Amino acid sequence: MGNGTIGVGIVTCNREEMFKKCVASIPNSIEALVVVNDATPYNTSSYPKKVTKLIQNKTSIPVGASKNILLHYFMENNFEHIFLLEDDIYVIDPKAFEIYIKTAETTGVLHLNYGYHGPDNRDPKGIPNPRMVVSYENNVKLALNTHVLGAFSYYNRKVIEKVGFMNESFQNAWEHIEHTARIAKALYHPPFWWFADVYNSQDLIGEQDITQAKSVIRKDKSINLMNMRLGLEIFKKSTGYYPGNMPLTTSEQVLVYLKIIKDMNGKL
C-alpha cells in the first residue's frame, strides 16, 4: 500500500444488529475495511463485500487487544490513515474520514477522537460543549474536549511508529485514555484534558445507543469495577498519576502547544 491509504477497522462483540448498521455506513471508497469479531460469529450475510478482511477471535479478549490486532494489520500493510470504530458508531457523512484526515494534516494533531459518544462533553441539554475551538487555515477547526472517548478514533501511522500500541495489561478500562496520554506526551496531540476532535463532529458521526444498557463490557458490574481499579494502577504506573490527577494545562499554554504541534507535524 502507498501513502494516503485509508484503513477502517471495526471491533464488534455480540451486537450483530448494531454492527450491521455500522458497517453499512462505511463508504465503499475506503481501501480496506477490517472487522474483528470478539465473540459469537455472525451470519455471513452480516458481512457485505466491502469487508475486505474478517478476523474472528477464538476466545474473547480485552477491547484494547482487539484494537491492537487492527493497528498491527494496518501498520504491517503500510496504511497511512487508520480509523478504529466500535460497533455502536455509524457514519452520517461519507466525507467524515476525509474531514478527519484534513483536520489532522492541517493542525498537526495526528490523533483525533470523536468526542460526543454518550453524555460526556455535552451540556445538560445534550448539545456538544467543547472547552475550546481553535481555527486554522482552509476553514479547519479543532474542538478540544474535557473527556476522551474511544468509539471512533483516528491515528496517523506516524503516531503508532513513535508511541507504539495499546497496553494490553488493561482489561476493558482506561486503555485508550492511557494511549492518548502517551500520544500527547509525544506531541502528536494536545495536553491531557484537552482532547482533540473535528469541530462539529456530531454532524459526521452518530451513535446507536447512548446508554450503557447494551454494553457488553459493563454488563457484569463487579468485573467491570475490578477492571476499572486494575486499570487505575496500570495508568498510574505508566504516567505517574491517576487519571483524575493528571496535570492541568491552561488555555494559553494549550495554544502554545498547538503551535508547536502544527510546526512539527502539520502539512497543507
C-alpha atoms as a PDB file:
ATOM      1  CA  MET A   1       0.000   0.000   0.000  1.00  0.00           C
ATOM      2  CA  GLY A   2       1.172   3.508  -0.744  1.00  0.00           C
ATOM      3  CA  ASN A   3       0.918   6.769   1.170  1.00  0.00           C
ATOM      4  CA  GLY A   4      -2.557   8.179   1.598  1.00  0.00           C
ATOM      5  CA  THR A   5      -4.265   4.848   2.034  1.00  0.00           C
ATOM      6  CA  ILE A   6      -7.156   4.695   4.477  1.00  0.00           C
ATOM      7  CA  GLY A   7      -7.885   1.683   6.650  1.00  0.00           C
ATOM      8  CA  VAL A   8     -11.019   1.362   8.753  1.00  0.00           C
ATOM      9  CA  GLY A   9     -11.257  -1.251  11.479  1.00  0.00           C
ATOM     10  CA  ILE A  10     -14.363  -2.221  13.436  1.00  0.00           C
ATOM     11  CA  VAL A  11     -14.380  -4.130  16.716  1.00  0.00           C
ATOM     12  CA  THR A  12     -17.659  -5.924  17.424  1.00  0.00           C
ATOM     13  CA  CYS A  13     -18.851  -8.190  20.219  1.00  0.00           C
ATOM     14  CA  ASN A  14     -22.305  -9.792  20.413  1.00  0.00           C
ATOM     15  CA  ARG A  15     -24.130  -6.835  18.861  1.00  0.00           C
ATOM     16  CA  GLU A  16     -24.903  -8.046  15.369  1.00  0.00           C
ATOM     17  CA  GLU A  17     -27.673  -5.582  14.556  1.00  0.00           C
ATOM     18  CA  MET A  18     -25.586  -2.604  15.651  1.00  0.00           C
ATOM     19  CA  PHE A  19     -22.646  -3.964  13.698  1.00  0.00           C
ATOM     20  CA  LYS A  20     -24.705  -4.242  10.531  1.00  0.00           C
ATOM     21  CA  LYS A  21     -25.715  -0.571  10.743  1.00  0.00           C
ATOM     22  CA  CYS A  22     -22.142   0.435  11.485  1.00  0.00           C
ATOM     23  CA  VAL A  23     -20.616  -1.478   8.577  1.00  0.00           C
ATOM     24  CA  ALA A  24     -23.355  -0.391   6.168  1.00  0.00           C
ATOM     25  CA  SER A  25     -22.454   3.249   6.862  1.00  0.00           C
ATOM     26  CA  ILE A  26     -18.823   2.913   5.757  1.00  0.00           C
ATOM     27  CA  PRO A  27     -18.290   4.355   2.257  1.00  0.00           C
ATOM     28  CA  ASN A  28     -17.424   1.838  -0.455  1.00  0.00           C
ATOM     29  CA  SER A  29     -14.454   4.008  -1.399  1.00  0.00           C
ATOM     30  CA  ILE A  30     -12.476   3.008   1.709  1.00  0.00           C
ATOM     31  CA  GLU A  31      -9.422   0.956   0.656  1.00  0.00           C
ATOM     32  CA  ALA A  32      -9.683  -1.589   3.472  1.00  0.00           C
ATOM     33  CA  LEU A  33     -12.451  -2.401   5.933  1.00  0.00           C
ATOM     34  CA  VAL A  34     -11.287  -4.937   8.503  1.00  0.00           C
ATOM     35  CA  VAL A  35     -13.512  -6.449  11.194  1.00  0.00           C
ATOM     36  CA  VAL A  36     -12.500  -8.089  14.457  1.00  0.00           C
ATOM     37  CA  ASN A  37     -15.367 -10.120  15.916  1.00  0.00           C
ATOM     38  CA  ASP A  38     -14.575 -10.805  19.562  1.00  0.00           C
ATOM     39  CA  ALA A  39     -17.465 -13.128  20.354  1.00  0.00           C
ATOM     40  CA  THR A  40     -20.034 -15.395  18.730  1.00  0.00           C
ATOM     41  CA  PRO A  41     -19.630 -15.460  14.934  1.00  0.00           C
ATOM     42  CA  TYR A  42     -22.291 -13.575  12.993  1.00  0.00           C
ATOM     43  CA  ASN A  43     -24.254 -14.770   9.990  1.00  0.00           C
ATOM     44  CA  THR A  44     -22.214 -14.478   6.820  1.00  0.00           C
ATOM     45  CA  SER A  45     -24.910 -12.157   5.445  1.00  0.00           C
ATOM     46  CA  SER A  46     -23.874  -9.575   8.066  1.00  0.00           C
ATOM     47  CA  TYR A  47     -20.559  -9.064   6.264  1.00  0.00           C
ATOM     48  CA  PRO A  48     -21.055  -7.191   2.973  1.00  0.00           C
ATOM     49  CA  LYS A  49     -18.497  -7.367   0.184  1.00  0.00           C
ATOM     50  CA  LYS A  50     -16.939  -4.105   1.337  1.00  0.00           C
ATOM     51  CA  VAL A  51     -15.480  -6.032   4.322  1.00  0.00           C
ATOM     52  CA  THR A  52     -12.022  -6.844   2.976  1.00  0.00           C
ATOM     53  CA  LYS A  53     -10.917  -8.985   5.922  1.00  0.00           C
ATOM     54  CA  LEU A  54     -12.675 -10.689   8.848  1.00  0.00           C
ATOM     55  CA  ILE A  55     -10.724 -11.699  11.947  1.00  0.00           C
ATOM     56  CA  GLN A  56     -12.700 -13.967  14.278  1.00  0.00           C
ATOM     57  CA  ASN A  57     -11.187 -14.179  17.752  1.00  0.00           C
ATOM     58  CA  LYS A  58     -11.149 -17.754  19.037  1.00  0.00           C
ATOM     59  CA  THR A  59     -11.800 -16.559  22.583  1.00  0.00           C
ATOM     60  CA  SER A  60     -12.914 -13.193  23.902  1.00  0.00           C
ATOM     61  CA  ILE A  61     -10.080 -10.778  24.651  1.00  0.00           C
ATOM     62  CA  PRO A  62      -9.963  -7.193  26.012  1.00  0.00           C
ATOM     63  CA  VAL A  63     -11.045  -4.475  23.605  1.00  0.00           C
ATOM     64  CA  GLY A  64      -7.570  -2.948  23.625  1.00  0.00           C
ATOM     65  CA  ALA A  65      -6.104  -6.228  22.413  1.00  0.00           C
ATOM     66  CA  SER A  66      -8.700  -6.421  19.623  1.00  0.00           C
ATOM     67  CA  LYS A  67      -7.876  -2.852  18.606  1.00  0.00           C
ATOM     68  CA  ASN A  68      -4.205  -3.774  18.577  1.00  0.00           C
ATOM     69  CA  ILE A  69      -4.968  -6.568  16.107  1.00  0.00           C
ATOM     70  CA  LEU A  70      -6.358  -3.927  13.779  1.00  0.00           C
ATOM     71  CA  LEU A  71      -3.497  -1.499  14.386  1.00  0.00           C
ATOM     72  CA  HIS A  72      -0.944  -4.229  13.671  1.00  0.00           C
ATOM     73  CA  TYR A  73      -2.731  -5.165  10.458  1.00  0.00           C
ATOM     74  CA  PHE A  74      -2.831  -1.618   9.132  1.00  0.00           C
ATOM     75  CA  MET A  75       0.741  -0.864  10.186  1.00  0.00           C
ATOM     76  CA  GLU A  76       2.098  -4.065   8.642  1.00  0.00           C
ATOM     77  CA  ASN A  77       0.296  -3.213   5.392  1.00  0.00           C
ATOM     78  CA  ASN A  78       1.640   0.355   5.371  1.00  0.00           C
ATOM     79  CA  PHE A  79      -1.611   2.277   5.743  1.00  0.00           C
ATOM     80  CA  GLU A  80      -1.091   5.946   6.481  1.00  0.00           C
ATOM     81  CA  HIS A  81      -4.538   6.782   7.883  1.00  0.00           C
ATOM     82  CA  ILE A  82      -6.087   4.419  10.422  1.00  0.00           C
ATOM     83  CA  PHE A  83      -9.595   4.637  11.862  1.00  0.00           C
ATOM     84  CA  LEU A  84     -10.829   2.371  14.663  1.00  0.00           C
ATOM     85  CA  LEU A  85     -14.566   2.122  15.314  1.00  0.00           C
ATOM     86  CA  GLU A  86     -16.643   0.342  17.920  1.00  0.00           C
ATOM     87  CA  ASP A  87     -19.838  -1.283  16.696  1.00  0.00           C
ATOM     88  CA  ASP A  88     -22.324   1.210  18.183  1.00  0.00           C
ATOM     89  CA  ILE A  89     -20.962   4.013  15.987  1.00  0.00           C
ATOM     90  CA  TYR A  90     -22.130   4.780  12.469  1.00  0.00           C
ATOM     91  CA  VAL A  91     -21.053   7.296   9.850  1.00  0.00           C
ATOM     92  CA  ILE A  92     -23.547  10.030   8.960  1.00  0.00           C
ATOM     93  CA  ASP A  93     -21.500  11.903   6.364  1.00  0.00           C
ATOM     94  CA  PRO A  94     -19.473   9.801   3.890  1.00  0.00           C
ATOM     95  CA  LYS A  95     -16.892  12.609   3.843  1.00  0.00           C
ATOM     96  CA  ALA A  96     -16.200  12.067   7.567  1.00  0.00           C
ATOM     97  CA  PHE A  97     -12.933  10.218   7.009  1.00  0.00           C
ATOM     98  CA  GLU A  98     -11.718  12.843   4.551  1.00  0.00           C
ATOM     99  CA  ILE A  99     -12.569  15.630   7.018  1.00  0.00           C
ATOM    100  CA  TYR A 100     -10.752  13.917   9.901  1.00  0.00           C
ATOM    101  CA  ILE A 101      -7.651  13.480   7.745  1.00  0.00           C
ATOM    102  CA  LYS A 102      -7.742  17.099   6.545  1.00  0.00           C
ATOM    103  CA  THR A 103      -8.079  18.297  10.146  1.00  0.00           C
ATOM    104  CA  ALA A 104      -5.154  16.148  11.273  1.00  0.00           C
ATOM    105  CA  GLU A 105      -2.885  17.208   8.425  1.00  0.00           C
ATOM    106  CA  THR A 106      -3.716  20.910   8.779  1.00  0.00           C
ATOM    107  CA  THR A 107      -3.319  21.083  12.563  1.00  0.00           C
ATOM    108  CA  GLY A 108      -0.552  18.514  13.017  1.00  0.00           C
ATOM    109  CA  VAL A 109      -2.720  16.798  15.640  1.00  0.00           C
ATOM    110  CA  LEU A 110      -2.312  13.267  14.313  1.00  0.00           C
ATOM    111  CA  HIS A 111      -4.648  11.522  16.763  1.00  0.00           C
ATOM    112  CA  LEU A 112      -8.318  12.522  16.987  1.00  0.00           C
ATOM    113  CA  ASN A 113     -11.251  11.024  18.875  1.00  0.00           C
ATOM    114  CA  TYR A 114     -14.962  11.579  18.308  1.00  0.00           C
ATOM    115  CA  GLY A 115     -15.923  13.430  21.475  1.00  0.00           C
ATOM    116  CA  TYR A 116     -19.689  13.049  21.811  1.00  0.00           C
ATOM    117  CA  HIS A 117     -20.362   9.355  22.335  1.00  0.00           C
ATOM    118  CA  GLY A 118     -22.760   9.440  25.276  1.00  0.00           C
ATOM    119  CA  PRO A 119     -23.271  12.388  27.652  1.00  0.00           C
ATOM    120  CA  ASP A 120     -19.619  13.346  28.157  1.00  0.00           C
ATOM    121  CA  ASN A 121     -18.558  16.633  26.581  1.00  0.00           C
ATOM    122  CA  ARG A 122     -22.198  17.729  26.244  1.00  0.00           C
ATOM    123  CA  ASP A 123     -24.167  20.358  28.160  1.00  0.00           C
ATOM    124  CA  PRO A 124     -27.276  19.437  30.225  1.00  0.00           C
ATOM    125  CA  LYS A 125     -29.416  19.687  27.079  1.00  0.00           C
ATOM    126  CA  GLY A 126     -27.195  17.196  25.254  1.00  0.00           C
ATOM    127  CA  ILE A 127     -25.557  19.757  22.979  1.00  0.00           C
ATOM    128  CA  PRO A 128     -21.811  19.265  22.335  1.00  0.00           C
ATOM    129  CA  ASN A 129     -19.842  21.629  24.552  1.00  0.00           C
ATOM    130  CA  PRO A 130     -16.101  21.671  23.785  1.00  0.00           C
ATOM    131  CA  ARG A 131     -13.739  23.515  26.115  1.00  0.00           C
ATOM    132  CA  MET A 132     -12.184  25.415  23.211  1.00  0.00           C
ATOM    133  CA  VAL A 133     -12.487  25.703  19.445  1.00  0.00           C
ATOM    134  CA  VAL A 134      -9.334  26.671  17.553  1.00  0.00           C
ATOM    135  CA  SER A 135      -9.468  27.946  13.968  1.00  0.00           C
ATOM    136  CA  TYR A 136      -6.884  27.172  11.295  1.00  0.00           C
ATOM    137  CA  GLU A 137      -6.494  27.976   7.614  1.00  0.00           C
ATOM    138  CA  ASN A 138      -8.782  26.489   4.940  1.00  0.00           C
ATOM    139  CA  ASN A 139     -11.818  26.583   7.281  1.00  0.00           C
ATOM    140  CA  VAL A 140     -10.400  23.865   9.508  1.00  0.00           C
ATOM    141  CA  LYS A 141     -11.432  23.993  13.163  1.00  0.00           C
ATOM    142  CA  LEU A 142     -10.269  21.835  16.043  1.00  0.00           C
ATOM    143  CA  ALA A 143     -12.557  21.116  19.012  1.00  0.00           C
ATOM    144  CA  LEU A 144     -10.891  20.409  22.354  1.00  0.00           C
ATOM    145  CA  ASN A 145     -12.905  18.431  24.908  1.00  0.00           C
ATOM    146  CA  THR A 146     -12.552  17.559  28.588  1.00  0.00           C
ATOM    147  CA  HIS A 147     -13.071  13.808  28.159  1.00  0.00           C
ATOM    148  CA  VAL A 148     -11.519  11.373  25.691  1.00  0.00           C
ATOM    149  CA  LEU A 149     -13.732   8.661  24.190  1.00  0.00           C
ATOM    150  CA  GLY A 150     -12.620   5.711  22.111  1.00  0.00           C
ATOM    151  CA  ALA A 151     -15.584   4.720  19.951  1.00  0.00           C
ATOM    152  CA  PHE A 152     -14.278   6.466  16.797  1.00  0.00           C
ATOM    153  CA  SER A 153     -10.565   7.206  16.674  1.00  0.00           C
ATOM    154  CA  TYR A 154      -8.133   8.420  14.010  1.00  0.00           C
ATOM    155  CA  TYR A 155      -4.405   7.645  14.012  1.00  0.00           C
ATOM    156  CA  ASN A 156      -1.799   8.685  11.508  1.00  0.00           C
ATOM    157  CA  ARG A 157       0.718   5.844  11.203  1.00  0.00           C
ATOM    158  CA  LYS A 158       3.486   8.180  12.486  1.00  0.00           C
ATOM    159  CA  VAL A 159       1.755   8.096  15.876  1.00  0.00           C
ATOM    160  CA  ILE A 160       1.945   4.324  16.189  1.00  0.00           C
ATOM    161  CA  GLU A 161       5.521   4.254  14.882  1.00  0.00           C
ATOM    162  CA  LYS A 162       6.521   6.667  17.650  1.00  0.00           C
ATOM    163  CA  VAL A 163       4.300   5.670  20.578  1.00  0.00           C
ATOM    164  CA  GLY A 164       3.516   2.020  19.921  1.00  0.00           C
ATOM    165  CA  PHE A 165       0.335   0.071  20.504  1.00  0.00           C
ATOM    166  CA  MET A 166      -2.200  -0.049  23.316  1.00  0.00           C
ATOM    167  CA  ASN A 167      -1.103  -1.578  26.608  1.00  0.00           C
ATOM    168  CA  GLU A 168      -2.803  -4.980  26.748  1.00  0.00           C
ATOM    169  CA  SER A 169      -2.459  -5.165  30.527  1.00  0.00           C
ATOM    170  CA  PHE A 170      -5.652  -3.110  30.719  1.00  0.00           C
ATOM    171  CA  GLN A 171      -8.854  -5.133  30.900  1.00  0.00           C
ATOM    172  CA  ASN A 172     -11.557  -3.112  29.136  1.00  0.00           C
ATOM    173  CA  ALA A 173     -10.879   0.067  31.105  1.00  0.00           C
ATOM    174  CA  TRP A 174      -8.579   3.069  30.571  1.00  0.00           C
ATOM    175  CA  GLU A 175      -6.608   1.564  27.655  1.00  0.00           C
ATOM    176  CA  HIS A 176      -7.405   4.230  25.061  1.00  0.00           C
ATOM    177  CA  ILE A 177      -7.064   7.004  27.652  1.00  0.00           C
ATOM    178  CA  GLU A 178      -3.553   5.902  28.611  1.00  0.00           C
ATOM    179  CA  HIS A 179      -2.683   5.500  24.929  1.00  0.00           C
ATOM    180  CA  THR A 180      -3.834   9.047  24.200  1.00  0.00           C
ATOM    181  CA  ALA A 181      -1.808  10.303  27.180  1.00  0.00           C
ATOM    182  CA  ARG A 182       1.315   8.765  25.633  1.00  0.00           C
ATOM    183  CA  ILE A 183       0.442  10.286  22.257  1.00  0.00           C
ATOM    184  CA  ALA A 184       0.059  13.718  23.884  1.00  0.00           C
ATOM    185  CA  LYS A 185       3.440  13.346  25.573  1.00  0.00           C
ATOM    186  CA  ALA A 186       4.968  12.653  22.147  1.00  0.00           C
ATOM    187  CA  LEU A 187       3.458  15.942  20.834  1.00  0.00           C
ATOM    188  CA  TYR A 188       1.075  14.407  18.348  1.00  0.00           C
ATOM    189  CA  HIS A 189      -1.885  15.592  20.444  1.00  0.00           C
ATOM    190  CA  PRO A 190      -2.618  18.493  22.842  1.00  0.00           C
ATOM    191  CA  PRO A 191      -2.044  18.039  26.598  1.00  0.00           C
ATOM    192  CA  PHE A 192      -4.268  15.815  28.750  1.00  0.00           C
ATOM    193  CA  TRP A 193      -7.706  17.311  29.491  1.00  0.00           C
ATOM    194  CA  TRP A 194      -7.703  18.971  26.044  1.00  0.00           C
ATOM    195  CA  PHE A 195      -8.773  16.065  23.870  1.00  0.00           C
ATOM    196  CA  ALA A 196      -8.882  16.782  20.165  1.00  0.00           C
ATOM    197  CA  ASP A 197     -11.720  16.205  17.732  1.00  0.00           C
ATOM    198  CA  VAL A 198     -13.010  17.604  14.462  1.00  0.00           C
ATOM    199  CA  TYR A 199     -15.254  20.611  15.067  1.00  0.00           C
ATOM    200  CA  ASN A 200     -18.967  19.762  14.761  1.00  0.00           C
ATOM    201  CA  SER A 201     -18.126  16.069  14.506  1.00  0.00           C
ATOM    202  CA  GLN A 202     -21.653  15.262  15.675  1.00  0.00           C
ATOM    203  CA  ASP A 203     -22.730  16.108  12.115  1.00  0.00           C
ATOM    204  CA  LEU A 204     -20.355  13.435  10.787  1.00  0.00           C
ATOM    205  CA  ILE A 205     -20.662  10.588  13.295  1.00  0.00           C
ATOM    206  CA  GLY A 206     -23.710   9.082  15.004  1.00  0.00           C
ATOM    207  CA  GLU A 207     -24.254   6.632  17.849  1.00  0.00           C
ATOM    208  CA  GLN A 208     -26.816   3.900  18.112  1.00  0.00           C
ATOM    209  CA  ASP A 209     -27.162   3.627  21.883  1.00  0.00           C
ATOM    210  CA  ILE A 210     -26.008   6.386  24.244  1.00  0.00           C
ATOM    211  CA  THR A 211     -26.911   4.402  27.366  1.00  0.00           C
ATOM    212  CA  GLN A 212     -24.895   1.550  28.856  1.00  0.00           C
ATOM    213  CA  ALA A 213     -27.835  -0.867  28.606  1.00  0.00           C
ATOM    214  CA  LYS A 214     -26.318  -2.743  25.680  1.00  0.00           C
ATOM    215  CA  SER A 215     -22.700  -2.513  26.775  1.00  0.00           C
ATOM    216  CA  VAL A 216     -21.103  -5.953  26.722  1.00  0.00           C
ATOM    217  CA  ILE A 217     -18.159  -4.709  28.777  1.00  0.00           C
ATOM    218  CA  ARG A 218     -20.308  -3.254  31.592  1.00  0.00           C
ATOM    219  CA  LYS A 219     -22.960  -5.948  31.907  1.00  0.00           C
ATOM    220  CA  ASP A 220     -21.174  -7.579  34.881  1.00  0.00           C
ATOM    221  CA  LYS A 221     -20.792  -4.706  37.329  1.00  0.00           C
ATOM    222  CA  SER A 222     -18.424  -6.496  39.721  1.00  0.00           C
ATOM    223  CA  ILE A 223     -15.996  -7.481  36.954  1.00  0.00           C
ATOM    224  CA  ASN A 224     -16.208  -4.018  35.441  1.00  0.00           C
ATOM    225  CA  LEU A 225     -15.403  -2.417  38.806  1.00  0.00           C
ATOM    226  CA  MET A 226     -12.424  -4.747  39.263  1.00  0.00           C
ATOM    227  CA  ASN A 227     -11.158  -3.892  35.782  1.00  0.00           C
ATOM    228  CA  MET A 228     -11.548  -0.185  36.480  1.00  0.00           C
ATOM    229  CA  ARG A 229      -9.495  -0.460  39.672  1.00  0.00           C
ATOM    230  CA  LEU A 230      -6.817  -2.552  37.983  1.00  0.00           C
ATOM    231  CA  GLY A 231      -6.655  -0.054  35.135  1.00  0.00           C
ATOM    232  CA  LEU A 232      -6.176   2.865  37.514  1.00  0.00           C
ATOM    233  CA  GLU A 233      -2.998   1.283  38.886  1.00  0.00           C
ATOM    234  CA  ILE A 234      -1.638   0.484  35.424  1.00  0.00           C
ATOM    235  CA  PHE A 235      -2.388   4.047  34.329  1.00  0.00           C
ATOM    236  CA  LYS A 236      -0.521   5.460  37.328  1.00  0.00           C
ATOM    237  CA  LYS A 237       2.464   3.206  36.678  1.00  0.00           C
ATOM    238  CA  SER A 238       2.574   4.418  33.070  1.00  0.00           C
ATOM    239  CA  THR A 239       2.030   8.149  33.596  1.00  0.00           C
ATOM    240  CA  GLY A 240       2.932   8.771  37.233  1.00  0.00           C
ATOM    241  CA  TYR A 241      -0.622   9.889  38.021  1.00  0.00           C
ATOM    242  CA  TYR A 242      -4.110   8.511  38.466  1.00  0.00           C
ATOM    243  CA  PRO A 243      -6.297   9.794  35.602  1.00  0.00           C
ATOM    244  CA  GLY A 244      -8.138  12.345  37.742  1.00  0.00           C
ATOM    245  CA  ASN A 245      -4.836  13.798  38.977  1.00  0.00           C
ATOM    246  CA  MET A 246      -3.208  14.336  35.599  1.00  0.00           C
ATOM    247  CA  PRO A 247      -1.593  17.814  35.472  1.00  0.00           C
ATOM    248  CA  LEU A 248      -3.691  20.728  34.297  1.00  0.00           C
ATOM    249  CA  THR A 249      -2.709  22.989  31.409  1.00  0.00           C
ATOM    250  CA  THR A 250      -4.085  26.486  30.898  1.00  0.00           C
ATOM    251  CA  SER A 251      -5.789  27.535  27.685  1.00  0.00           C
ATOM    252  CA  GLU A 252      -2.882  29.898  26.973  1.00  0.00           C
ATOM    253  CA  GLN A 253      -0.407  27.042  27.359  1.00  0.00           C
ATOM    254  CA  VAL A 254      -2.528  24.823  25.105  1.00  0.00           C
ATOM    255  CA  LEU A 255      -2.337  27.389  22.313  1.00  0.00           C
ATOM    256  CA  VAL A 256       1.447  27.333  22.603  1.00  0.00           C
ATOM    257  CA  TYR A 257       1.422  23.521  22.419  1.00  0.00           C
ATOM    258  CA  LEU A 258      -0.828  23.631  19.356  1.00  0.00           C
ATOM    259  CA  LYS A 259       1.584  25.943  17.544  1.00  0.00           C
ATOM    260  CA  ILE A 260       4.481  23.606  18.327  1.00  0.00           C
ATOM    261  CA  ILE A 261       2.450  20.603  17.187  1.00  0.00           C
ATOM    262  CA  LYS A 262       1.494  22.289  13.927  1.00  0.00           C
ATOM    263  CA  ASP A 263       5.068  23.362  13.232  1.00  0.00           C
ATOM    264  CA  MET A 264       6.300  19.808  13.905  1.00  0.00           C
ATOM    265  CA  ASN A 265       3.629  17.722  12.184  1.00  0.00           C
ATOM    266  CA  GLY A 266       1.315  19.868  10.067  1.00  0.00           C
ATOM    267  CA  LYS A 267       1.207  19.987   6.314  1.00  0.00           C
ATOM    268  CA  LEU A 268      -1.038  21.640   3.742  1.00  0.00           C
END
